[in-house]
Amino acid sequence: MARFEIVTPLKGAVLTVQTKRLLLSVFKPGAAKEVTDYLCRNRAYHKPFQQVHSNRYFTVSEQRDYLRSDLRQYQNNTQVGFWISKLEEPYRIIGRLSFYGMMGGCMNSTFVGYHLDEKEVGNGYMSEALLAGCDFMFKYYRLHRIQADVMPTNERSLHCVERCGFTKMGYNLKYMAIDGSYKDHVMFVKLNSEVET
């Protein structure tokens, strides 16, 4: 198969994209329990790479609100927030791949962020999801540019974006608040050659 195909959405999803081993789904608020389970399982592992979250963030009610926001942004064409699962366990979430801050017009671009279950690291799942996700965004949203910002200490993520065809473009000082303080990030960009003029 190609890197992805759009399939019948999983129950509780509005969009599901299938790769060789994975399902990438945009879920409705009813998936809050599965999302919360994933976030709680990985709370300590994700902490050094994320913004500070209160205890409330790790509750079903809060994640239901986040999923409502995700759905609104998806419907408004400003974000595509995929939750990642394996084909054999479609409702056990193992990661997140989010294309956010989508801009049209002369920018025609988006940012991408992602994270993965600690126990699934090293299997190539994030590279598979990121490649398919970028292809999907280029094909169906006709974007010109996708930007990924990675902390220079996050070696796995640096290797992931490079494997997925992103090009290093620069260095952003104190770019984003992560784990309680502003951290430097390396900026990577992937361009869609099919929309070049």
N, C-alpha and C. Protein backbone atom coordinates (compact mmCIF):
# COMPACT_ATOMS: atom_id res chain seq x y z
N MET A 1 0.84 -1.19 0.00
CA MET A 1 0.00 0.00 0.00
C MET A 1 0.87 1.24 0.00
N ALA A 2 0.25 2.37 -0.34
CA ALA A 2 0.95 3.65 -0.24
C ALA A 2 1.20 3.93 1.24
N ARG A 3 1.79 5.06 1.53
CA ARG A 3 2.07 5.37 2.93
C ARG A 3 0.81 5.46 3.77
N PHE A 4 -0.33 5.77 3.13
CA PHE A 4 -1.57 5.83 3.88
C PHE A 4 -2.75 5.62 2.95
N GLU A 5 -3.87 5.26 3.56
CA GLU A 5 -5.15 5.30 2.86
C GLU A 5 -6.21 5.70 3.87
N ILE A 6 -7.21 6.43 3.40
CA ILE A 6 -8.32 6.81 4.26
C ILE A 6 -9.28 5.63 4.31
N VAL A 7 -9.63 5.21 5.53
CA VAL A 7 -10.50 4.06 5.71
C VAL A 7 -11.76 4.48 6.46
N THR A 8 -12.70 3.56 6.60
CA THR A 8 -13.90 3.85 7.38
C THR A 8 -13.48 4.25 8.78
N PRO A 9 -13.93 5.41 9.28
CA PRO A 9 -13.49 5.86 10.61
C PRO A 9 -13.80 4.85 11.70
N LEU A 10 -12.89 4.72 12.64
CA LEU A 10 -13.16 3.92 13.83
C LEU A 10 -14.41 4.45 14.51
N LYS A 11 -15.09 3.59 15.23
CA LYS A 11 -16.24 4.03 16.01
C LYS A 11 -15.79 5.15 16.95
N GLY A 12 -16.49 6.28 16.90
CA GLY A 12 -16.13 7.42 17.74
C GLY A 12 -15.14 8.37 17.11
N ALA A 13 -14.78 8.12 15.83
CA ALA A 13 -13.85 9.00 15.13
C ALA A 13 -14.55 9.64 13.93
N VAL A 14 -14.04 10.79 13.49
CA VAL A 14 -14.57 11.44 12.28
C VAL A 14 -13.65 11.21 11.08
N LEU A 15 -12.44 10.77 11.35
CA LEU A 15 -11.47 10.50 10.29
C LEU A 15 -10.50 9.44 10.79
N THR A 16 -10.22 8.44 9.96
CA THR A 16 -9.18 7.46 10.27
C THR A 16 -8.34 7.23 9.03
N VAL A 17 -7.04 7.33 9.21
CA VAL A 17 -6.05 7.09 8.16
C VAL A 17 -5.26 5.86 8.56
N GLN A 18 -5.10 4.93 7.63
CA GLN A 18 -4.38 3.69 7.92
C GLN A 18 -3.03 3.70 7.23
N THR A 19 -2.00 3.25 7.97
CA THR A 19 -0.68 3.03 7.42
C THR A 19 -0.42 1.52 7.44
N LYS A 20 0.78 1.10 7.22
CA LYS A 20 1.08 -0.33 7.21
C LYS A 20 0.74 -1.00 8.53
N ARG A 21 1.07 -0.31 9.65
CA ARG A 21 0.87 -0.93 10.97
C ARG A 21 -0.04 -0.13 11.89
N LEU A 22 -0.44 1.07 11.48
CA LEU A 22 -1.07 2.00 12.40
C LEU A 22 -2.40 2.54 11.90
N LEU A 23 -3.15 3.09 12.84
CA LEU A 23 -4.35 3.87 12.54
C LEU A 23 -4.16 5.25 13.15
N LEU A 24 -4.43 6.28 12.37
CA LEU A 24 -4.37 7.67 12.84
C LEU A 24 -5.79 8.20 12.79
N SER A 25 -6.34 8.54 13.96
CA SER A 25 -7.75 8.91 14.04
C SER A 25 -7.96 10.26 14.70
N VAL A 26 -8.90 11.02 14.15
CA VAL A 26 -9.39 12.23 14.79
C VAL A 26 -10.66 11.82 15.54
N PHE A 27 -10.57 11.82 16.86
CA PHE A 27 -11.66 11.29 17.68
C PHE A 27 -12.64 12.37 18.13
N LYS A 28 -13.85 11.93 18.40
CA LYS A 28 -14.87 12.75 19.05
C LYS A 28 -14.64 12.71 20.56
N PRO A 29 -15.36 13.55 21.32
CA PRO A 29 -15.17 13.60 22.78
C PRO A 29 -15.40 12.27 23.49
N GLY A 30 -16.14 11.36 22.88
CA GLY A 30 -16.40 10.07 23.51
C GLY A 30 -15.16 9.22 23.72
N ALA A 31 -14.05 9.58 23.10
CA ALA A 31 -12.80 8.82 23.27
C ALA A 31 -11.96 9.33 24.43
N ALA A 32 -12.54 10.17 25.27
CA ALA A 32 -11.76 10.80 26.36
C ALA A 32 -11.14 9.79 27.31
N LYS A 33 -11.82 8.70 27.57
CA LYS A 33 -11.26 7.69 28.50
C LYS A 33 -9.99 7.08 27.92
N GLU A 34 -10.00 6.73 26.64
CA GLU A 34 -8.82 6.13 26.01
C GLU A 34 -7.66 7.12 25.95
N VAL A 35 -7.97 8.38 25.65
CA VAL A 35 -6.93 9.42 25.61
C VAL A 35 -6.33 9.62 27.00
N THR A 36 -7.19 9.70 28.01
CA THR A 36 -6.73 9.91 29.38
C THR A 36 -5.85 8.75 29.84
N ASP A 37 -6.23 7.54 29.50
CA ASP A 37 -5.44 6.38 29.87
C ASP A 37 -4.03 6.48 29.29
N TYR A 38 -3.94 6.87 28.02
CA TYR A 38 -2.63 7.03 27.37
C TYR A 38 -1.81 8.11 28.06
N LEU A 39 -2.42 9.27 28.33
CA LEU A 39 -1.69 10.38 28.95
C LEU A 39 -1.23 10.03 30.35
N CYS A 40 -2.06 9.35 31.11
CA CYS A 40 -1.68 8.96 32.48
C CYS A 40 -0.55 7.93 32.47
N ARG A 41 -0.61 6.98 31.56
CA ARG A 41 0.45 5.96 31.46
C ARG A 41 1.81 6.59 31.19
N ASN A 42 1.80 7.71 30.45
CA ASN A 42 3.05 8.31 29.99
C ASN A 42 3.36 9.65 30.65
N ARG A 43 2.68 9.95 31.74
CA ARG A 43 2.83 11.27 32.37
C ARG A 43 4.28 11.58 32.71
N ALA A 44 4.94 10.68 33.39
CA ALA A 44 6.33 10.93 33.80
C ALA A 44 7.27 10.94 32.59
N TYR A 45 7.04 10.05 31.66
CA TYR A 45 7.90 9.96 30.48
C TYR A 45 7.82 11.21 29.62
N HIS A 46 6.63 11.75 29.45
CA HIS A 46 6.45 12.94 28.60
C HIS A 46 6.84 14.25 29.27
N LYS A 47 6.91 14.26 30.60
CA LYS A 47 7.11 15.50 31.34
C LYS A 47 8.29 16.35 30.85
N PRO A 48 9.47 15.80 30.57
CA PRO A 48 10.59 16.66 30.14
C PRO A 48 10.41 17.29 28.75
N PHE A 49 9.39 16.87 28.01
CA PHE A 49 9.22 17.32 26.63
C PHE A 49 7.94 18.12 26.40
N GLN A 50 7.19 18.40 27.47
CA GLN A 50 5.91 19.07 27.31
C GLN A 50 5.78 20.27 28.23
N GLN A 51 4.76 21.09 27.95
CA GLN A 51 4.42 22.18 28.85
C GLN A 51 3.95 21.60 30.17
N VAL A 52 3.93 22.42 31.20
CA VAL A 52 3.48 21.97 32.52
C VAL A 52 1.97 21.78 32.51
N HIS A 53 1.52 20.64 33.02
CA HIS A 53 0.09 20.34 33.11
C HIS A 53 -0.30 20.13 34.57
N SER A 54 -1.47 20.65 34.94
CA SER A 54 -2.00 20.41 36.28
C SER A 54 -2.57 19.00 36.36
N ASN A 55 -2.90 18.57 37.56
CA ASN A 55 -3.50 17.25 37.74
C ASN A 55 -4.81 17.13 36.97
N ARG A 56 -5.53 18.22 36.84
CA ARG A 56 -6.82 18.19 36.14
C ARG A 56 -6.66 17.75 34.68
N TYR A 57 -5.53 18.08 34.07
CA TYR A 57 -5.29 17.70 32.68
C TYR A 57 -5.42 16.20 32.48
N PHE A 58 -5.09 15.45 33.51
CA PHE A 58 -5.06 13.99 33.42
C PHE A 58 -6.37 13.36 33.89
N THR A 59 -7.48 14.04 33.59
CA THR A 59 -8.81 13.53 33.94
C THR A 59 -9.65 13.38 32.67
N VAL A 60 -10.62 12.49 32.74
CA VAL A 60 -11.48 12.24 31.59
C VAL A 60 -12.27 13.50 31.22
N SER A 61 -12.77 14.24 32.21
CA SER A 61 -13.57 15.43 31.92
C SER A 61 -12.74 16.49 31.19
N GLU A 62 -11.50 16.67 31.59
CA GLU A 62 -10.65 17.66 30.93
C GLU A 62 -10.31 17.22 29.51
N GLN A 63 -10.01 15.95 29.34
CA GLN A 63 -9.69 15.47 27.99
C GLN A 63 -10.90 15.49 27.07
N ARG A 64 -12.08 15.34 27.64
CA ARG A 64 -13.30 15.48 26.83
C ARG A 64 -13.38 16.90 26.27
N ASP A 65 -13.03 17.88 27.10
CA ASP A 65 -13.01 19.28 26.63
C ASP A 65 -11.96 19.49 25.55
N TYR A 66 -10.78 18.90 25.74
CA TYR A 66 -9.73 19.01 24.73
C TYR A 66 -10.17 18.38 23.40
N LEU A 67 -10.85 17.24 23.47
CA LEU A 67 -11.31 16.58 22.26
C LEU A 67 -12.39 17.41 21.56
N ARG A 68 -13.24 18.08 22.34
CA ARG A 68 -14.22 18.99 21.73
C ARG A 68 -13.50 20.11 20.97
N SER A 69 -12.46 20.66 21.60
CA SER A 69 -11.68 21.71 20.95
C SER A 69 -10.99 21.18 19.70
N ASP A 70 -10.40 19.98 19.79
CA ASP A 70 -9.77 19.34 18.63
C ASP A 70 -10.77 19.23 17.47
N LEU A 71 -11.98 18.78 17.79
CA LEU A 71 -12.99 18.56 16.76
C LEU A 71 -13.41 19.88 16.11
N ARG A 72 -13.59 20.93 16.93
CA ARG A 72 -13.93 22.25 16.37
C ARG A 72 -12.85 22.74 15.43
N GLN A 73 -11.59 22.60 15.86
CA GLN A 73 -10.49 23.07 15.02
C GLN A 73 -10.36 22.24 13.74
N TYR A 74 -10.63 20.94 13.84
CA TYR A 74 -10.63 20.10 12.64
C TYR A 74 -11.71 20.57 11.67
N GLN A 75 -12.89 20.83 12.20
CA GLN A 75 -14.01 21.28 11.35
C GLN A 75 -13.75 22.66 10.76
N ASN A 76 -12.95 23.48 11.44
CA ASN A 76 -12.61 24.82 10.95
C ASN A 76 -11.34 24.85 10.12
N ASN A 77 -10.75 23.67 9.86
CA ASN A 77 -9.53 23.57 9.05
C ASN A 77 -8.35 24.33 9.64
N THR A 78 -8.24 24.30 10.97
CA THR A 78 -7.08 24.93 11.61
C THR A 78 -6.19 23.91 12.33
N GLN A 79 -6.66 22.67 12.45
CA GLN A 79 -5.86 21.63 13.11
C GLN A 79 -6.36 20.25 12.69
N VAL A 80 -5.42 19.32 12.55
CA VAL A 80 -5.76 17.91 12.40
C VAL A 80 -5.00 17.18 13.49
N GLY A 81 -5.72 16.80 14.54
CA GLY A 81 -5.10 16.15 15.70
C GLY A 81 -5.35 14.66 15.67
N PHE A 82 -4.36 13.90 15.22
CA PHE A 82 -4.49 12.45 15.13
C PHE A 82 -4.06 11.79 16.44
N TRP A 83 -4.82 10.77 16.86
CA TRP A 83 -4.39 9.86 17.92
C TRP A 83 -3.98 8.56 17.24
N ILE A 84 -2.85 8.02 17.65
CA ILE A 84 -2.24 6.88 16.98
C ILE A 84 -2.55 5.59 17.75
N SER A 85 -2.95 4.55 17.01
CA SER A 85 -3.11 3.22 17.60
C SER A 85 -2.58 2.19 16.62
N LYS A 86 -2.37 0.97 17.11
CA LYS A 86 -1.91 -0.11 16.24
C LYS A 86 -3.12 -0.82 15.63
N LEU A 87 -2.93 -1.37 14.44
CA LEU A 87 -4.02 -2.05 13.75
C LEU A 87 -4.67 -3.12 14.61
N GLU A 88 -3.85 -3.87 15.36
CA GLU A 88 -4.40 -4.98 16.14
C GLU A 88 -5.04 -4.52 17.45
N GLU A 89 -4.80 -3.26 17.84
CA GLU A 89 -5.41 -2.71 19.06
C GLU A 89 -5.93 -1.30 18.75
N PRO A 90 -6.99 -1.19 17.97
CA PRO A 90 -7.41 0.11 17.45
C PRO A 90 -7.85 1.13 18.49
N TYR A 91 -8.24 0.67 19.68
CA TYR A 91 -8.73 1.62 20.68
C TYR A 91 -7.75 1.81 21.84
N ARG A 92 -6.54 1.27 21.68
CA ARG A 92 -5.50 1.53 22.69
C ARG A 92 -4.54 2.55 22.09
N ILE A 93 -4.62 3.76 22.56
CA ILE A 93 -3.82 4.84 21.99
C ILE A 93 -2.36 4.71 22.39
N ILE A 94 -1.48 4.87 21.39
CA ILE A 94 -0.03 4.78 21.67
C ILE A 94 0.70 6.06 21.27
N GLY A 95 -0.02 7.08 20.82
CA GLY A 95 0.69 8.30 20.45
C GLY A 95 -0.24 9.38 19.93
N ARG A 96 0.36 10.52 19.69
CA ARG A 96 -0.36 11.70 19.18
C ARG A 96 0.49 12.33 18.08
N LEU A 97 -0.19 12.74 17.01
CA LEU A 97 0.45 13.46 15.91
C LEU A 97 -0.48 14.61 15.56
N SER A 98 -0.06 15.82 15.80
CA SER A 98 -0.95 16.97 15.64
C SER A 98 -0.37 17.98 14.66
N PHE A 99 -1.17 18.29 13.64
CA PHE A 99 -0.85 19.37 12.71
C PHE A 99 -1.70 20.56 13.15
N TYR A 100 -1.05 21.61 13.65
CA TYR A 100 -1.78 22.69 14.32
C TYR A 100 -1.33 24.05 13.79
N GLY A 101 -2.13 25.06 14.10
CA GLY A 101 -1.79 26.41 13.65
C GLY A 101 -1.81 26.51 12.13
N MET A 102 -2.72 25.79 11.50
CA MET A 102 -2.78 25.78 10.03
C MET A 102 -3.15 27.17 9.50
N MET A 103 -2.40 27.62 8.52
CA MET A 103 -2.60 28.93 7.91
C MET A 103 -2.77 28.77 6.41
N GLY A 104 -3.69 29.49 5.83
CA GLY A 104 -3.88 29.47 4.39
C GLY A 104 -3.21 30.67 3.75
N GLY A 105 -3.75 31.10 2.63
CA GLY A 105 -3.22 32.27 1.95
C GLY A 105 -1.79 32.10 1.50
N CYS A 106 -1.03 33.16 1.64
CA CYS A 106 0.36 33.13 1.16
C CYS A 106 1.25 32.25 2.03
N MET A 107 0.82 31.96 3.28
CA MET A 107 1.62 31.09 4.14
C MET A 107 1.38 29.62 3.80
N ASN A 108 0.12 29.20 3.78
CA ASN A 108 -0.27 27.85 3.38
C ASN A 108 0.60 26.80 4.08
N SER A 109 0.60 26.86 5.41
CA SER A 109 1.53 26.03 6.16
C SER A 109 0.91 25.57 7.48
N THR A 110 1.65 24.72 8.19
CA THR A 110 1.23 24.24 9.49
C THR A 110 2.45 23.86 10.32
N PHE A 111 2.23 23.72 11.61
CA PHE A 111 3.24 23.17 12.53
C PHE A 111 2.86 21.72 12.82
N VAL A 112 3.84 20.93 13.24
CA VAL A 112 3.55 19.56 13.65
C VAL A 112 4.22 19.27 14.98
N GLY A 113 3.50 18.55 15.82
CA GLY A 113 4.03 18.08 17.09
C GLY A 113 3.59 16.64 17.31
N TYR A 114 4.31 15.91 18.15
CA TYR A 114 3.99 14.49 18.33
C TYR A 114 4.59 13.97 19.62
N HIS A 115 4.03 12.87 20.11
CA HIS A 115 4.62 12.13 21.22
C HIS A 115 4.14 10.68 21.15
N LEU A 116 4.86 9.80 21.82
CA LEU A 116 4.63 8.37 21.69
C LEU A 116 4.68 7.70 23.06
N ASP A 117 3.99 6.59 23.17
CA ASP A 117 4.01 5.77 24.38
C ASP A 117 5.44 5.29 24.65
N GLU A 118 5.85 5.40 25.89
CA GLU A 118 7.21 5.01 26.27
C GLU A 118 7.52 3.57 25.85
N LYS A 119 6.55 2.67 25.98
CA LYS A 119 6.79 1.26 25.69
C LYS A 119 6.82 0.96 24.19
N GLU A 120 6.48 1.93 23.36
CA GLU A 120 6.46 1.72 21.91
C GLU A 120 7.63 2.39 21.20
N VAL A 121 8.49 3.07 21.94
CA VAL A 121 9.64 3.76 21.36
C VAL A 121 10.62 2.75 20.77
N GLY A 122 11.18 3.09 19.62
CA GLY A 122 12.19 2.23 19.01
C GLY A 122 11.65 1.27 17.97
N ASN A 123 10.34 1.32 17.71
CA ASN A 123 9.73 0.43 16.73
C ASN A 123 9.46 1.09 15.38
N GLY A 124 9.82 2.36 15.25
CA GLY A 124 9.60 3.07 14.00
C GLY A 124 8.18 3.58 13.81
N TYR A 125 7.37 3.51 14.86
CA TYR A 125 5.98 3.92 14.72
C TYR A 125 5.83 5.42 14.45
N MET A 126 6.63 6.24 15.12
CA MET A 126 6.46 7.67 14.91
C MET A 126 6.92 8.10 13.53
N SER A 127 7.99 7.51 13.03
CA SER A 127 8.41 7.82 11.66
C SER A 127 7.32 7.42 10.67
N GLU A 128 6.73 6.25 10.88
CA GLU A 128 5.65 5.77 10.00
C GLU A 128 4.46 6.73 10.04
N ALA A 129 4.09 7.15 11.24
CA ALA A 129 2.95 8.06 11.40
C ALA A 129 3.25 9.43 10.81
N LEU A 130 4.45 9.94 11.06
CA LEU A 130 4.81 11.28 10.59
C LEU A 130 4.89 11.33 9.06
N LEU A 131 5.48 10.32 8.46
CA LEU A 131 5.55 10.27 6.99
C LEU A 131 4.15 10.25 6.38
N ALA A 132 3.29 9.39 6.92
CA ALA A 132 1.93 9.29 6.40
C ALA A 132 1.15 10.56 6.66
N GLY A 133 1.31 11.12 7.86
CA GLY A 133 0.60 12.35 8.20
C GLY A 133 0.98 13.51 7.31
N CYS A 134 2.26 13.66 7.03
CA CYS A 134 2.71 14.74 6.14
C CYS A 134 2.16 14.53 4.73
N ASP A 135 2.22 13.29 4.24
CA ASP A 135 1.66 13.00 2.92
C ASP A 135 0.18 13.35 2.87
N PHE A 136 -0.55 12.99 3.93
CA PHE A 136 -1.98 13.29 3.99
C PHE A 136 -2.22 14.80 3.95
N MET A 137 -1.48 15.54 4.74
CA MET A 137 -1.67 16.99 4.81
C MET A 137 -1.32 17.65 3.48
N PHE A 138 -0.27 17.18 2.83
CA PHE A 138 0.10 17.74 1.53
C PHE A 138 -0.96 17.42 0.47
N LYS A 139 -1.48 16.21 0.50
CA LYS A 139 -2.44 15.81 -0.53
C LYS A 139 -3.81 16.45 -0.35
N TYR A 140 -4.33 16.42 0.89
CA TYR A 140 -5.72 16.83 1.10
C TYR A 140 -5.88 18.29 1.50
N TYR A 141 -4.83 18.90 2.03
CA TYR A 141 -4.91 20.31 2.38
C TYR A 141 -4.05 21.17 1.46
N ARG A 142 -3.31 20.52 0.59
CA ARG A 142 -2.46 21.21 -0.40
C ARG A 142 -1.54 22.24 0.27
N LEU A 143 -1.01 21.85 1.42
CA LEU A 143 -0.11 22.75 2.14
C LEU A 143 1.23 22.87 1.41
N HIS A 144 1.86 24.00 1.61
CA HIS A 144 3.18 24.26 1.04
C HIS A 144 4.29 23.82 1.99
N ARG A 145 4.04 23.93 3.32
CA ARG A 145 5.14 23.82 4.27
C ARG A 145 4.65 23.25 5.60
N ILE A 146 5.45 22.35 6.19
CA ILE A 146 5.19 21.82 7.53
C ILE A 146 6.44 22.07 8.36
N GLN A 147 6.26 22.67 9.52
CA GLN A 147 7.38 23.02 10.39
C GLN A 147 7.35 22.18 11.66
N ALA A 148 8.49 21.61 12.02
CA ALA A 148 8.67 20.85 13.27
C ALA A 148 9.77 21.52 14.08
N ASP A 149 9.50 21.74 15.36
CA ASP A 149 10.49 22.36 16.25
C ASP A 149 10.85 21.36 17.34
N VAL A 150 12.15 21.08 17.47
CA VAL A 150 12.61 20.00 18.33
C VAL A 150 13.72 20.52 19.25
N MET A 151 13.63 20.16 20.54
CA MET A 151 14.71 20.54 21.45
C MET A 151 16.00 19.83 21.04
N PRO A 152 17.12 20.52 21.08
CA PRO A 152 18.38 19.92 20.63
C PRO A 152 18.83 18.73 21.48
N THR A 153 18.28 18.60 22.67
CA THR A 153 18.62 17.46 23.53
C THR A 153 17.77 16.23 23.25
N ASN A 154 16.73 16.38 22.42
CA ASN A 154 15.82 15.28 22.14
C ASN A 154 16.31 14.53 20.90
N GLU A 155 17.29 13.67 21.11
CA GLU A 155 17.97 13.02 19.98
C GLU A 155 17.03 12.12 19.17
N ARG A 156 16.15 11.40 19.83
CA ARG A 156 15.22 10.54 19.09
C ARG A 156 14.36 11.35 18.14
N SER A 157 13.85 12.48 18.61
CA SER A 157 12.99 13.32 17.78
C SER A 157 13.78 13.95 16.64
N LEU A 158 15.00 14.37 16.90
CA LEU A 158 15.85 14.92 15.84
C LEU A 158 16.05 13.90 14.72
N HIS A 159 16.34 12.66 15.11
CA HIS A 159 16.54 11.61 14.10
C HIS A 159 15.24 11.32 13.35
N CYS A 160 14.12 11.39 14.06
CA CYS A 160 12.82 11.10 13.44
C CYS A 160 12.52 12.10 12.32
N VAL A 161 12.64 13.40 12.61
CA VAL A 161 12.30 14.38 11.57
C VAL A 161 13.28 14.30 10.40
N GLU A 162 14.54 14.01 10.68
CA GLU A 162 15.50 13.89 9.60
C GLU A 162 15.18 12.68 8.72
N ARG A 163 14.82 11.54 9.35
CA ARG A 163 14.42 10.35 8.59
C ARG A 163 13.19 10.62 7.72
N CYS A 164 12.35 11.53 8.18
CA CYS A 164 11.10 11.81 7.47
C CYS A 164 11.22 12.94 6.45
N GLY A 165 12.45 13.34 6.16
CA GLY A 165 12.66 14.28 5.06
C GLY A 165 12.57 15.75 5.42
N PHE A 166 12.60 16.08 6.71
CA PHE A 166 12.62 17.48 7.12
C PHE A 166 14.05 18.02 7.00
N THR A 167 14.16 19.29 6.68
CA THR A 167 15.45 19.95 6.54
C THR A 167 15.66 20.94 7.68
N LYS A 168 16.84 20.90 8.29
CA LYS A 168 17.16 21.84 9.36
C LYS A 168 17.28 23.24 8.78
N MET A 169 16.54 24.19 9.38
CA MET A 169 16.49 25.54 8.85
C MET A 169 17.06 26.59 9.79
N GLY A 170 17.10 26.31 11.08
CA GLY A 170 17.58 27.33 12.00
C GLY A 170 17.48 26.91 13.45
N TYR A 171 17.77 27.87 14.32
CA TYR A 171 17.81 27.62 15.76
C TYR A 171 17.04 28.73 16.45
N ASN A 172 16.01 28.36 17.19
CA ASN A 172 15.17 29.34 17.87
C ASN A 172 15.49 29.37 19.36
N LEU A 173 16.05 30.48 19.83
CA LEU A 173 16.40 30.64 21.23
C LEU A 173 15.14 30.80 22.09
N LYS A 174 15.12 30.06 23.21
CA LYS A 174 14.01 30.16 24.18
C LYS A 174 12.66 30.23 23.46
N TYR A 175 12.43 29.25 22.62
CA TYR A 175 11.31 29.26 21.69
C TYR A 175 9.98 28.87 22.34
N MET A 176 10.02 27.89 23.26
CA MET A 176 8.78 27.34 23.78
C MET A 176 8.96 26.95 25.24
N ALA A 177 7.89 27.16 26.04
CA ALA A 177 7.93 26.80 27.45
C ALA A 177 7.70 25.30 27.60
N ILE A 178 8.72 24.61 28.05
CA ILE A 178 8.69 23.15 28.21
C ILE A 178 9.13 22.82 29.63
N ASP A 179 8.31 22.04 30.32
CA ASP A 179 8.64 21.57 31.67
C ASP A 179 9.04 22.73 32.59
N GLY A 180 8.39 23.87 32.44
CA GLY A 180 8.56 24.97 33.38
C GLY A 180 9.52 26.07 32.98
N SER A 181 10.18 25.96 31.84
CA SER A 181 11.07 27.03 31.41
C SER A 181 11.16 27.06 29.89
N TYR A 182 11.51 28.23 29.35
CA TYR A 182 11.63 28.36 27.90
C TYR A 182 12.88 27.66 27.40
N LYS A 183 12.69 26.83 26.41
CA LYS A 183 13.78 26.01 25.89
C LYS A 183 14.08 26.38 24.44
N ASP A 184 15.36 26.27 24.08
CA ASP A 184 15.77 26.43 22.69
C ASP A 184 15.23 25.27 21.86
N HIS A 185 14.98 25.53 20.58
CA HIS A 185 14.50 24.49 19.67
C HIS A 185 15.21 24.62 18.32
N VAL A 186 15.43 23.48 17.69
CA VAL A 186 15.92 23.46 16.32
C VAL A 186 14.70 23.42 15.40
N MET A 187 14.69 24.29 14.38
CA MET A 187 13.56 24.36 13.46
C MET A 187 13.85 23.51 12.21
N PHE A 188 12.91 22.64 11.89
CA PHE A 188 12.98 21.81 10.69
C PHE A 188 11.76 22.10 9.83
N VAL A 189 11.93 21.97 8.52
CA VAL A 189 10.84 22.25 7.59
C VAL A 189 10.79 21.16 6.52
N LYS A 190 9.58 20.80 6.16
CA LYS A 190 9.35 19.90 5.03
C LYS A 190 8.45 20.63 4.04
N LEU A 191 8.89 20.67 2.78
CA LEU A 191 8.15 21.40 1.74
C LEU A 191 7.44 20.42 0.80
N ASN A 192 6.33 20.88 0.27
CA ASN A 192 5.55 20.10 -0.68
C ASN A 192 5.89 20.55 -2.10
N SER A 193 6.68 19.76 -2.78
CA SER A 193 7.14 20.13 -4.12
C SER A 193 5.98 20.24 -5.12
N GLU A 194 4.86 19.59 -4.83
CA GLU A 194 3.74 19.59 -5.77
C GLU A 194 2.98 20.91 -5.81
N VAL A 195 3.22 21.79 -4.83
CA VAL A 195 2.52 23.08 -4.85
C VAL A 195 3.47 24.23 -5.12
N GLU A 196 4.71 23.91 -5.47
CA GLU A 196 5.66 24.97 -5.80
C GLU A 196 5.25 25.68 -7.08
N THR A 197 5.49 27.01 -7.14
CA THR A 197 5.14 27.77 -8.35
C THR A 197 6.41 28.20 -9.07
